[in-house]
């Protein structure tokens, strides 16, 4: 950490997120603190020189590697990262860190946490998890599909947020598939704020992404694990109107593969068998839908209506049942 001027917490603060207690030597203001926790934690974030791996990482910047069962990567002008044993995230910052740890936290709460969850056998999905009327749905989609905008619009309709960006799914024989809450924040692009008539000046931008903003959601964050009811994939296509259909059969597994967070880490970690079995459990136990929207126009209001009518109230299931009995 030569030359850094960082706000380091000497003994670490304990936070709760993704179903884990996490001690951290750097401040993580997005997460909820767990001041009552005593004893061992599930995971730790530590500052570590990572001297043994720096030479090979310096030769391979911006490359994700798995060595000695550890996920390792180096982002120039940012930090070296290492994730091991489903328990420890090591960070070696590079140089001065403007805006404190803002840029480091982007990688820490994204790729690093996803790798740690995989190592613990917790399934990481890329998307937003929302609760409405006691049902939790994961909203997934490719970058630019509009899932964050739709999630923000659904929050206005009374939904609660469990997670934005990284969704942690755990499998329990008695309790089924459960979503563990992350932290009370959503990130929205400036374009999404404009669509939703949300004033940009009310929010702080994400460091390094000046047109993306942090949206605090303390009043609409559900901080208890919830059973997953289904997954909704949002896609843009050439259709003229919003439509929705169920995803059935063999189409379900590749859909889950597309929306697993950082799926390229699965083979080198030796987790291909685990991921296949977990995906098969998901595919067999929850509802899956594809929500289609036109590329050519803004359709947030219509997407919300179709989502609420077809997914939350079960319109798609009723329609399918009708066709099966017709």
Foldseek 3Di string as FASTA:
>chain_A
DPQEDADFQVVFFWFDFQNWTETERHDDVQTHTDVPDDDDTQAYEEEDQVVVCVVVQVVPAPDWDADPLWTWHHHPQAWTWIADQLHYIYIHGDHYDPPHNLVVVVCCLAVRNLSSLVSVLWFKFFAWWKDDPQAIEGEFEDPPLCRLLLVVVVVVVPIATQDGGIWTWDADPVQGIKTARGGFKYKAFQVSCVVVVHDPVVFDARPPRRRITIDGGVPRHDHGIGHHAEYEYRHEDADPAKDKAWDDDPSQLVVRCVGGRPNVVCVVSVNPVSSSVVSVSRRPHHTYMYIYGYPPDDCSVVSSVCCCVCPVVPVNVVVVVVVVVD
